[in-house]
Each structure stands twice: as C-alpha cells, then as structure tokens.
Amino acid sequence: MSKSTPHINLLDEIGFGKTVLMPGDPLRAKFIAENFLENPVLVNNVRGVQGHTGYYKGVKVSVMASGMGMPAIGIYSHELFNFYGVENIIRVGSAGSIQENIDLYDVVIAQGACTDSNFAHQFHVPGTFAPIASYELLSAAVEAAKENGAKYHVGNVNSSDVFYGDHAGVPEGLDSLYGLKKMGVMALEMEAAALYMNAARYGKRALCICTISDHVLKGVETTAAERQTAFTQMMKIALDVAVAMEDK
C-alpha cells in the first residue's frame, strides 16, 4: 500500500477503508466525517482535498472529496483503486433533474452513465463503451434507500464535461437536453462515467448516488449551504452500503 502518490499523501497509519465515499466538495467530505463517522481522522489534505477515515456501525469507512469533473475523479479513483487497497468507491454528489417526476431532494441511483466525454478513448475500446455501476453496490443501495424511506429513482444519468454550455446562436436553448430527456436520462452530473470506467478497468466496484440539487427545466435549485449539509439521506444510504459490502 502506497504512502504517497502525486495527489494523495497519507497523514495517518489508519489509511483508507475498503469503501470510500466521494463527494465533489471537500466541505461535504468534512461534514460527513464529523457528523456520521466515529473517531474520524484526517488522512489526506493534498491541495485541500480532504480525506477522512473513521468508523460507521463498527465498519472502517473513508470519505474523500473528488473535486469537480471527470479528470478530477479519474485521478483520485485511479490512485485509490491502484495504490491504497480501496475496493469500492461511492460518489455522493448533486445532480440536476431533467425529468418532471424527479424533484428537489429526490435521490437518484445511477445504474448507468451516458457521457459526452472522451475519457473512454484512453482504454482503446472499439465502438462505444457503456459505463455502468457495480450490481452489488447498486442492489445494496436500493435496499438502503428503502430502509431510509428515501424517494429514489434508479436509471441513467448523463456525465457532462461542461457545466456552462455555450448556447449562443442555438435557437432551441434547453431543447438540446430533450434528446437525453426523451431517452429517460434522469439527471445531469459530471463524474459518474469516469468513475465507472476506472472501476471496470481495474476490477473494482463503483456507484454514483446523487441528490437532486436543481431542476434544469423547472428553474429551481438548492443553495450552496444546503448542498454541503442537507443531503443527509443520501449520505446514510451510502454509508449503509459500505457496511453491507464490508465482507464482500
């Protein structure tokens, strides 16, 4: 197990748990550690990307931020999977709904992740690779969502390379999302596809669980503070999955 990689430097011998929760926001990682983990220890702070390890229901679990976008989560998941003994990474993030029936604070569990990214090109796979979640993590998350009384949806998300799309000169504006909408894609986010591809490449398990922070078509959204601290149901679901996977 490596003590140091270009983006992670272990600060404590406790290291990382078998399962790592990965929010995009370092402050959300800190919130999860301080409010859900017993005896949390700061294990990484390179570039301010905080990683913490502690115990949840007696199981050693870590939480570390990924930053925003596929290049960022691609780097951190690669290092965690290949150098720190991590078997499961669960992204716990925010997403923008593009379906009428998926509302603010609903939980979406990403069975698959469409993408406009070129991330898959590096793997030299002919045709189109379909990034999908680990079935073991997915099924455990569905059970945990039921037990936590969540309003949840399982299906496809879209992992985009851009947050601010340039619609100048495009008369349809948001109509550009209707292709995804009509194909049943639940929500937009920016990390899941890269995480799923890395997990596939290295024989690991990955899952993306997101809370709906805004509704793209309805024009409603949560605040930055709410995105850091109010998505507790999603956090509990992910932690319960970590417990369920400890002996698998």
C-alpha atoms as a PDB file:
ATOM      1  CA  MET A   1       0.000   0.000   0.000  1.00  0.00           C
ATOM      2  CA  SER A   2       1.474   3.305  -1.073  1.00  0.00           C
ATOM      3  CA  LYS A   3       2.027   6.064   1.460  1.00  0.00           C
ATOM      4  CA  SER A   4       2.246   8.759  -1.194  1.00  0.00           C
ATOM      5  CA  THR A   5       1.073   9.294  -4.760  1.00  0.00           C
ATOM      6  CA  PRO A   6       1.067  12.565  -6.722  1.00  0.00           C
ATOM      7  CA  HIS A   7      -2.340  13.578  -5.302  1.00  0.00           C
ATOM      8  CA  ILE A   8      -2.655  11.647  -2.027  1.00  0.00           C
ATOM      9  CA  ASN A   9      -0.283  11.669   0.945  1.00  0.00           C
ATOM     10  CA  LEU A  10      -1.375   9.532   3.884  1.00  0.00           C
ATOM     11  CA  LEU A  11      -1.222  11.522   7.106  1.00  0.00           C
ATOM     12  CA  ASP A  12      -2.109   8.650   9.450  1.00  0.00           C
ATOM     13  CA  GLU A  13      -1.438   4.908   9.646  1.00  0.00           C
ATOM     14  CA  ILE A  14      -5.173   4.192   9.693  1.00  0.00           C
ATOM     15  CA  GLY A  15      -5.145   4.642   5.894  1.00  0.00           C
ATOM     16  CA  PHE A  16      -8.302   4.171   3.846  1.00  0.00           C
ATOM     17  CA  GLY A  17     -11.226   1.844   4.392  1.00  0.00           C
ATOM     18  CA  LYS A  18     -12.342  -0.767   1.878  1.00  0.00           C
ATOM     19  CA  THR A  19     -15.088   1.652   0.833  1.00  0.00           C
ATOM     20  CA  VAL A  20     -14.595   5.349   0.127  1.00  0.00           C
ATOM     21  CA  LEU A  21     -17.444   7.837  -0.202  1.00  0.00           C
ATOM     22  CA  MET A  22     -16.551  10.595  -2.689  1.00  0.00           C
ATOM     23  CA  PRO A  23     -18.462  13.869  -2.675  1.00  0.00           C
ATOM     24  CA  GLY A  24     -17.190  16.526  -5.025  1.00  0.00           C
ATOM     25  CA  ASP A  25     -16.993  19.158  -2.301  1.00  0.00           C
ATOM     26  CA  PRO A  26     -14.247  18.934   0.389  1.00  0.00           C
ATOM     27  CA  LEU A  27     -16.623  20.634   2.830  1.00  0.00           C
ATOM     28  CA  ARG A  28     -19.198  17.893   2.252  1.00  0.00           C
ATOM     29  CA  ALA A  29     -16.500  15.318   2.952  1.00  0.00           C
ATOM     30  CA  LYS A  30     -15.700  17.122   6.199  1.00  0.00           C
ATOM     31  CA  PHE A  31     -19.405  17.284   7.107  1.00  0.00           C
ATOM     32  CA  ILE A  32     -19.898  13.548   6.565  1.00  0.00           C
ATOM     33  CA  ALA A  33     -16.809  12.690   8.610  1.00  0.00           C
ATOM     34  CA  GLU A  34     -17.732  14.946  11.523  1.00  0.00           C
ATOM     35  CA  ASN A  35     -21.415  14.022  11.654  1.00  0.00           C
ATOM     36  CA  PHE A  36     -21.509  10.320  10.778  1.00  0.00           C
ATOM     37  CA  LEU A  37     -18.133   8.715  11.463  1.00  0.00           C
ATOM     38  CA  GLU A  38     -16.833   7.685  14.870  1.00  0.00           C
ATOM     39  CA  ASN A  39     -13.294   8.852  15.659  1.00  0.00           C
ATOM     40  CA  PRO A  40     -12.639  10.392  12.223  1.00  0.00           C
ATOM     41  CA  VAL A  41      -9.009  11.043  11.319  1.00  0.00           C
ATOM     42  CA  LEU A  42      -7.748  13.346   8.561  1.00  0.00           C
ATOM     43  CA  VAL A  43      -5.755  11.058   6.244  1.00  0.00           C
ATOM     44  CA  ASN A  44      -5.194  13.345   3.245  1.00  0.00           C
ATOM     45  CA  ASN A  45      -5.163  17.071   2.618  1.00  0.00           C
ATOM     46  CA  VAL A  46      -3.104  17.454  -0.559  1.00  0.00           C
ATOM     47  CA  ARG A  47      -4.450  20.525  -2.422  1.00  0.00           C
ATOM     48  CA  GLY A  48      -7.100  20.853   0.290  1.00  0.00           C
ATOM     49  CA  VAL A  49      -8.876  17.718  -0.968  1.00  0.00           C
ATOM     50  CA  GLN A  50      -9.737  16.375   2.441  1.00  0.00           C
ATOM     51  CA  GLY A  51      -9.861  12.659   3.117  1.00  0.00           C
ATOM     52  CA  HIS A  52     -11.083  11.261   6.433  1.00  0.00           C
ATOM     53  CA  THR A  53     -11.252   7.727   7.828  1.00  0.00           C
ATOM     54  CA  GLY A  54     -13.386   6.621  10.748  1.00  0.00           C
ATOM     55  CA  TYR A  55     -15.970   4.021  11.699  1.00  0.00           C
ATOM     56  CA  TYR A  56     -19.658   3.688  10.897  1.00  0.00           C
ATOM     57  CA  LYS A  57     -21.605   0.949  12.701  1.00  0.00           C
ATOM     58  CA  GLY A  58     -18.262  -0.611  13.542  1.00  0.00           C
ATOM     59  CA  VAL A  59     -17.016  -0.653   9.932  1.00  0.00           C
ATOM     60  CA  LYS A  60     -13.966   1.281   8.798  1.00  0.00           C
ATOM     61  CA  VAL A  61     -15.091   3.773   6.148  1.00  0.00           C
ATOM     62  CA  SER A  62     -13.376   6.680   4.407  1.00  0.00           C
ATOM     63  CA  VAL A  63     -14.725   9.820   2.802  1.00  0.00           C
ATOM     64  CA  MET A  64     -12.651  11.957   0.454  1.00  0.00           C
ATOM     65  CA  ALA A  65     -13.529  14.728  -1.967  1.00  0.00           C
ATOM     66  CA  SER A  66     -13.061  14.245  -5.694  1.00  0.00           C
ATOM     67  CA  GLY A  67     -13.286  17.813  -6.900  1.00  0.00           C
ATOM     68  CA  MET A  68     -15.411  18.589  -9.957  1.00  0.00           C
ATOM     69  CA  GLY A  69     -15.395  16.826 -13.296  1.00  0.00           C
ATOM     70  CA  MET A  70     -14.217  13.583 -14.808  1.00  0.00           C
ATOM     71  CA  PRO A  71     -10.486  14.389 -14.935  1.00  0.00           C
ATOM     72  CA  ALA A  72     -10.523  15.033 -11.172  1.00  0.00           C
ATOM     73  CA  ILE A  73     -12.438  11.945 -10.091  1.00  0.00           C
ATOM     74  CA  GLY A  74     -10.470   9.979 -12.680  1.00  0.00           C
ATOM     75  CA  ILE A  75      -7.213  10.867 -10.906  1.00  0.00           C
ATOM     76  CA  TYR A  76      -8.412  10.196  -7.354  1.00  0.00           C
ATOM     77  CA  SER A  77     -10.253   6.975  -8.134  1.00  0.00           C
ATOM     78  CA  HIS A  78      -7.238   5.668 -10.088  1.00  0.00           C
ATOM     79  CA  GLU A  79      -4.923   6.258  -7.141  1.00  0.00           C
ATOM     80  CA  LEU A  80      -7.338   4.892  -4.536  1.00  0.00           C
ATOM     81  CA  PHE A  81      -8.091   1.755  -6.551  1.00  0.00           C
ATOM     82  CA  ASN A  82      -4.490   1.032  -7.540  1.00  0.00           C
ATOM     83  CA  PHE A  83      -2.346   2.177  -4.607  1.00  0.00           C
ATOM     84  CA  TYR A  84      -4.439   2.272  -1.420  1.00  0.00           C
ATOM     85  CA  GLY A  85      -6.359  -1.014  -1.349  1.00  0.00           C
ATOM     86  CA  VAL A  86      -9.774   0.565  -1.957  1.00  0.00           C
ATOM     87  CA  GLU A  87     -12.363  -1.835  -3.411  1.00  0.00           C
ATOM     88  CA  ASN A  88     -15.488   0.319  -3.535  1.00  0.00           C
ATOM     89  CA  ILE A  89     -15.973   3.997  -4.364  1.00  0.00           C
ATOM     90  CA  ILE A  90     -19.404   5.549  -3.955  1.00  0.00           C
ATOM     91  CA  ARG A  91     -19.853   9.016  -5.390  1.00  0.00           C
ATOM     92  CA  VAL A  92     -22.242  11.020  -3.213  1.00  0.00           C
ATOM     93  CA  GLY A  93     -22.979  14.145  -5.193  1.00  0.00           C
ATOM     94  CA  SER A  94     -25.540  16.554  -6.531  1.00  0.00           C
ATOM     95  CA  ALA A  95     -27.315  16.418  -9.870  1.00  0.00           C
ATOM     96  CA  GLY A  96     -29.745  18.433 -11.956  1.00  0.00           C
ATOM     97  CA  SER A  97     -33.034  16.725 -12.794  1.00  0.00           C
ATOM     98  CA  ILE A  98     -34.310  16.710 -16.376  1.00  0.00           C
ATOM     99  CA  GLN A  99     -37.439  14.653 -15.667  1.00  0.00           C
ATOM    100  CA  GLU A 100     -40.741  16.131 -14.493  1.00  0.00           C
ATOM    101  CA  ASN A 101     -41.269  13.445 -11.831  1.00  0.00           C
ATOM    102  CA  ILE A 102     -37.829  13.790 -10.237  1.00  0.00           C
ATOM    103  CA  ASP A 103     -37.871  16.666  -7.757  1.00  0.00           C
ATOM    104  CA  LEU A 104     -35.500  18.595  -5.498  1.00  0.00           C
ATOM    105  CA  TYR A 105     -34.023  16.360  -2.757  1.00  0.00           C
ATOM    106  CA  ASP A 106     -35.009  13.132  -4.537  1.00  0.00           C
ATOM    107  CA  VAL A 107     -32.215  10.551  -4.645  1.00  0.00           C
ATOM    108  CA  VAL A 108     -31.040   9.186  -7.992  1.00  0.00           C
ATOM    109  CA  ILE A 109     -29.034   5.961  -8.127  1.00  0.00           C
ATOM    110  CA  ALA A 110     -27.079   5.776 -11.368  1.00  0.00           C
ATOM    111  CA  GLN A 111     -27.358   2.349 -12.950  1.00  0.00           C
ATOM    112  CA  GLY A 112     -25.565   3.753 -15.999  1.00  0.00           C
ATOM    113  CA  ALA A 113     -23.824   6.957 -17.034  1.00  0.00           C
ATOM    114  CA  CYS A 114     -24.063   8.447 -20.519  1.00  0.00           C
ATOM    115  CA  THR A 115     -21.372  10.963 -21.345  1.00  0.00           C
ATOM    116  CA  ASP A 116     -20.142  13.471 -23.912  1.00  0.00           C
ATOM    117  CA  SER A 117     -16.588  12.987 -22.596  1.00  0.00           C
ATOM    118  CA  ASN A 118     -13.645  11.479 -24.458  1.00  0.00           C
ATOM    119  CA  PHE A 119     -12.486   9.764 -21.243  1.00  0.00           C
ATOM    120  CA  ALA A 120     -13.054   6.268 -22.686  1.00  0.00           C
ATOM    121  CA  HIS A 121     -10.640   6.881 -25.566  1.00  0.00           C
ATOM    122  CA  GLN A 122      -7.627   6.056 -23.369  1.00  0.00           C
ATOM    123  CA  PHE A 123      -8.809   2.458 -22.936  1.00  0.00           C
ATOM    124  CA  HIS A 124      -8.676   1.739 -26.704  1.00  0.00           C
ATOM    125  CA  VAL A 125     -12.062   0.018 -26.749  1.00  0.00           C
ATOM    126  CA  PRO A 126     -13.635  -0.356 -30.210  1.00  0.00           C
ATOM    127  CA  GLY A 127     -17.103   1.086 -30.594  1.00  0.00           C
ATOM    128  CA  THR A 128     -18.853   2.685 -27.622  1.00  0.00           C
ATOM    129  CA  PHE A 129     -18.197   1.564 -24.042  1.00  0.00           C
ATOM    130  CA  ALA A 130     -21.236   1.735 -21.725  1.00  0.00           C
ATOM    131  CA  PRO A 131     -20.206   2.791 -18.191  1.00  0.00           C
ATOM    132  CA  ILE A 132     -22.367   1.009 -15.622  1.00  0.00           C
ATOM    133  CA  ALA A 133     -22.470   0.683 -11.846  1.00  0.00           C
ATOM    134  CA  SER A 134     -21.492  -2.343  -9.815  1.00  0.00           C
ATOM    135  CA  TYR A 135     -24.587  -4.521  -9.436  1.00  0.00           C
ATOM    136  CA  GLU A 136     -23.568  -5.406  -5.865  1.00  0.00           C
ATOM    137  CA  LEU A 137     -23.367  -1.750  -4.838  1.00  0.00           C
ATOM    138  CA  LEU A 138     -26.498  -0.865  -6.805  1.00  0.00           C
ATOM    139  CA  SER A 139     -28.666  -3.554  -5.225  1.00  0.00           C
ATOM    140  CA  ALA A 140     -27.361  -2.700  -1.750  1.00  0.00           C
ATOM    141  CA  ALA A 141     -28.141   0.981  -2.356  1.00  0.00           C
ATOM    142  CA  VAL A 142     -31.719   0.228  -3.412  1.00  0.00           C
ATOM    143  CA  GLU A 143     -32.265  -1.760  -0.208  1.00  0.00           C
ATOM    144  CA  ALA A 144     -30.696   1.021   1.870  1.00  0.00           C
ATOM    145  CA  ALA A 145     -32.844   3.644   0.131  1.00  0.00           C
ATOM    146  CA  LYS A 146     -35.970   1.680   1.043  1.00  0.00           C
ATOM    147  CA  GLU A 147     -34.841   1.281   4.639  1.00  0.00           C
ATOM    148  CA  ASN A 148     -34.104   5.010   4.917  1.00  0.00           C
ATOM    149  CA  GLY A 149     -37.505   5.973   3.489  1.00  0.00           C
ATOM    150  CA  ALA A 150     -35.991   7.812   0.532  1.00  0.00           C
ATOM    151  CA  LYS A 151     -37.831   8.872  -2.576  1.00  0.00           C
ATOM    152  CA  TYR A 152     -35.401   7.339  -5.035  1.00  0.00           C
ATOM    153  CA  HIS A 153     -35.065   6.649  -8.750  1.00  0.00           C
ATOM    154  CA  VAL A 154     -32.806   4.130 -10.496  1.00  0.00           C
ATOM    155  CA  GLY A 155     -31.645   4.593 -14.071  1.00  0.00           C
ATOM    156  CA  ASN A 156     -29.337   6.567 -16.329  1.00  0.00           C
ATOM    157  CA  VAL A 157     -27.562   9.840 -15.644  1.00  0.00           C
ATOM    158  CA  ASN A 158     -25.531  11.981 -18.013  1.00  0.00           C
ATOM    159  CA  SER A 159     -21.947  12.836 -17.058  1.00  0.00           C
ATOM    160  CA  SER A 160     -21.065  16.047 -18.849  1.00  0.00           C
ATOM    161  CA  ASP A 161     -17.685  17.649 -19.471  1.00  0.00           C
ATOM    162  CA  VAL A 162     -19.212  21.132 -19.228  1.00  0.00           C
ATOM    163  CA  PHE A 163     -21.285  22.945 -16.632  1.00  0.00           C
ATOM    164  CA  TYR A 164     -21.819  26.194 -18.532  1.00  0.00           C
ATOM    165  CA  GLY A 165     -22.816  25.142 -22.033  1.00  0.00           C
ATOM    166  CA  ASP A 166     -22.454  27.737 -24.784  1.00  0.00           C
ATOM    167  CA  HIS A 167     -25.930  28.087 -26.293  1.00  0.00           C
ATOM    168  CA  ALA A 168     -25.137  31.296 -28.193  1.00  0.00           C
ATOM    169  CA  GLY A 169     -26.741  31.073 -31.605  1.00  0.00           C
ATOM    170  CA  VAL A 170     -28.586  27.868 -30.704  1.00  0.00           C
ATOM    171  CA  PRO A 171     -32.282  28.740 -31.023  1.00  0.00           C
ATOM    172  CA  GLU A 172     -33.555  25.725 -29.123  1.00  0.00           C
ATOM    173  CA  GLY A 173     -31.657  26.554 -25.890  1.00  0.00           C
ATOM    174  CA  LEU A 174     -32.716  23.976 -23.322  1.00  0.00           C
ATOM    175  CA  ASP A 175     -34.255  21.932 -26.117  1.00  0.00           C
ATOM    176  CA  SER A 176     -30.766  20.487 -26.516  1.00  0.00           C
ATOM    177  CA  LEU A 177     -31.499  18.474 -23.353  1.00  0.00           C
ATOM    178  CA  TYR A 178     -34.670  16.949 -24.710  1.00  0.00           C
ATOM    179  CA  GLY A 179     -32.757  14.223 -26.522  1.00  0.00           C
ATOM    180  CA  LEU A 180     -31.488  12.983 -23.167  1.00  0.00           C
ATOM    181  CA  LYS A 181     -34.879  13.554 -21.563  1.00  0.00           C
ATOM    182  CA  LYS A 182     -36.773  11.545 -24.174  1.00  0.00           C
ATOM    183  CA  MET A 183     -34.325   8.642 -23.686  1.00  0.00           C
ATOM    184  CA  GLY A 184     -35.202   8.521 -19.983  1.00  0.00           C
ATOM    185  CA  VAL A 185     -31.982  10.016 -18.614  1.00  0.00           C
ATOM    186  CA  MET A 186     -32.806  11.109 -15.064  1.00  0.00           C
ATOM    187  CA  ALA A 187     -30.328  13.867 -14.330  1.00  0.00           C
ATOM    188  CA  LEU A 188     -27.125  15.681 -15.236  1.00  0.00           C
ATOM    189  CA  GLU A 189     -23.865  15.420 -13.282  1.00  0.00           C
ATOM    190  CA  MET A 190     -20.142  15.458 -14.087  1.00  0.00           C
ATOM    191  CA  GLU A 191     -18.275  12.486 -12.612  1.00  0.00           C
ATOM    192  CA  ALA A 192     -20.005   9.086 -12.704  1.00  0.00           C
ATOM    193  CA  ALA A 193     -18.917   7.909 -16.171  1.00  0.00           C
ATOM    194  CA  ALA A 194     -15.202   8.290 -15.438  1.00  0.00           C
ATOM    195  CA  LEU A 195     -15.572   6.599 -12.052  1.00  0.00           C
ATOM    196  CA  TYR A 196     -17.422   3.660 -13.627  1.00  0.00           C
ATOM    197  CA  MET A 197     -14.799   3.289 -16.355  1.00  0.00           C
ATOM    198  CA  ASN A 198     -11.911   3.233 -13.892  1.00  0.00           C
ATOM    199  CA  ALA A 199     -13.704   0.666 -11.753  1.00  0.00           C
ATOM    200  CA  ALA A 200     -14.283  -1.523 -14.812  1.00  0.00           C
ATOM    201  CA  ARG A 201     -10.660  -1.236 -15.910  1.00  0.00           C
ATOM    202  CA  TYR A 202      -9.190  -2.172 -12.536  1.00  0.00           C
ATOM    203  CA  GLY A 203     -11.692  -4.820 -11.461  1.00  0.00           C
ATOM    204  CA  LYS A 204     -13.211  -2.706  -8.678  1.00  0.00           C
ATOM    205  CA  ARG A 205     -16.741  -1.578  -7.776  1.00  0.00           C
ATOM    206  CA  ALA A 206     -18.278   1.860  -8.148  1.00  0.00           C
ATOM    207  CA  LEU A 207     -21.634   3.565  -7.720  1.00  0.00           C
ATOM    208  CA  CYS A 208     -22.963   7.090  -8.067  1.00  0.00           C
ATOM    209  CA  ILE A 209     -25.721   8.254  -5.729  1.00  0.00           C
ATOM    210  CA  CYS A 210     -26.866  11.842  -6.169  1.00  0.00           C
ATOM    211  CA  THR A 211     -29.369  14.149  -4.533  1.00  0.00           C
ATOM    212  CA  ILE A 212     -31.253  16.457  -6.870  1.00  0.00           C
ATOM    213  CA  SER A 213     -29.937  19.938  -6.159  1.00  0.00           C
ATOM    214  CA  ASP A 214     -31.661  21.725  -9.042  1.00  0.00           C
ATOM    215  CA  HIS A 215     -34.276  21.114 -11.683  1.00  0.00           C
ATOM    216  CA  VAL A 216     -32.925  22.243 -15.026  1.00  0.00           C
ATOM    217  CA  LEU A 217     -36.271  22.506 -16.792  1.00  0.00           C
ATOM    218  CA  LYS A 218     -38.244  23.992 -13.880  1.00  0.00           C
ATOM    219  CA  GLY A 219     -35.544  26.502 -12.943  1.00  0.00           C
ATOM    220  CA  VAL A 220     -35.459  25.745  -9.190  1.00  0.00           C
ATOM    221  CA  GLU A 221     -32.377  24.971  -7.106  1.00  0.00           C
ATOM    222  CA  THR A 222     -30.967  24.472  -3.615  1.00  0.00           C
ATOM    223  CA  THR A 223     -28.376  26.744  -2.002  1.00  0.00           C
ATOM    224  CA  ALA A 224     -24.645  26.027  -1.716  1.00  0.00           C
ATOM    225  CA  ALA A 225     -25.046  25.555   2.062  1.00  0.00           C
ATOM    226  CA  GLU A 226     -27.849  23.036   1.539  1.00  0.00           C
ATOM    227  CA  ARG A 227     -25.702  21.078  -0.915  1.00  0.00           C
ATOM    228  CA  GLN A 228     -22.986  20.795   1.736  1.00  0.00           C
ATOM    229  CA  THR A 229     -25.111  19.739   4.681  1.00  0.00           C
ATOM    230  CA  ALA A 230     -28.732  18.941   3.818  1.00  0.00           C
ATOM    231  CA  PHE A 231     -28.269  15.829   1.697  1.00  0.00           C
ATOM    232  CA  THR A 232     -28.105  13.546   4.720  1.00  0.00           C
ATOM    233  CA  GLN A 233     -30.430  10.835   3.394  1.00  0.00           C
ATOM    234  CA  MET A 234     -28.053  10.156   0.502  1.00  0.00           C
ATOM    235  CA  MET A 235     -25.131  10.053   2.933  1.00  0.00           C
ATOM    236  CA  LYS A 236     -26.867   7.481   5.148  1.00  0.00           C
ATOM    237  CA  ILE A 237     -27.691   5.314   2.136  1.00  0.00           C
ATOM    238  CA  ALA A 238     -24.056   5.298   1.002  1.00  0.00           C
ATOM    239  CA  LEU A 239     -22.768   4.541   4.491  1.00  0.00           C
ATOM    240  CA  ASP A 240     -25.219   1.648   4.848  1.00  0.00           C
ATOM    241  CA  VAL A 241     -23.916   0.289   1.537  1.00  0.00           C
ATOM    242  CA  ALA A 242     -20.373   0.485   2.913  1.00  0.00           C
ATOM    243  CA  VAL A 243     -21.445  -1.598   5.890  1.00  0.00           C
ATOM    244  CA  ALA A 244     -23.221  -4.137   3.676  1.00  0.00           C
ATOM    245  CA  MET A 245     -20.113  -4.527   1.489  1.00  0.00           C
ATOM    246  CA  GLU A 246     -17.577  -4.981   4.270  1.00  0.00           C
ATOM    247  CA  ASP A 247     -17.468  -8.773   3.996  1.00  0.00           C
ATOM    248  CA  LYS A 248     -17.951  -8.982   0.203  1.00  0.00           C
END
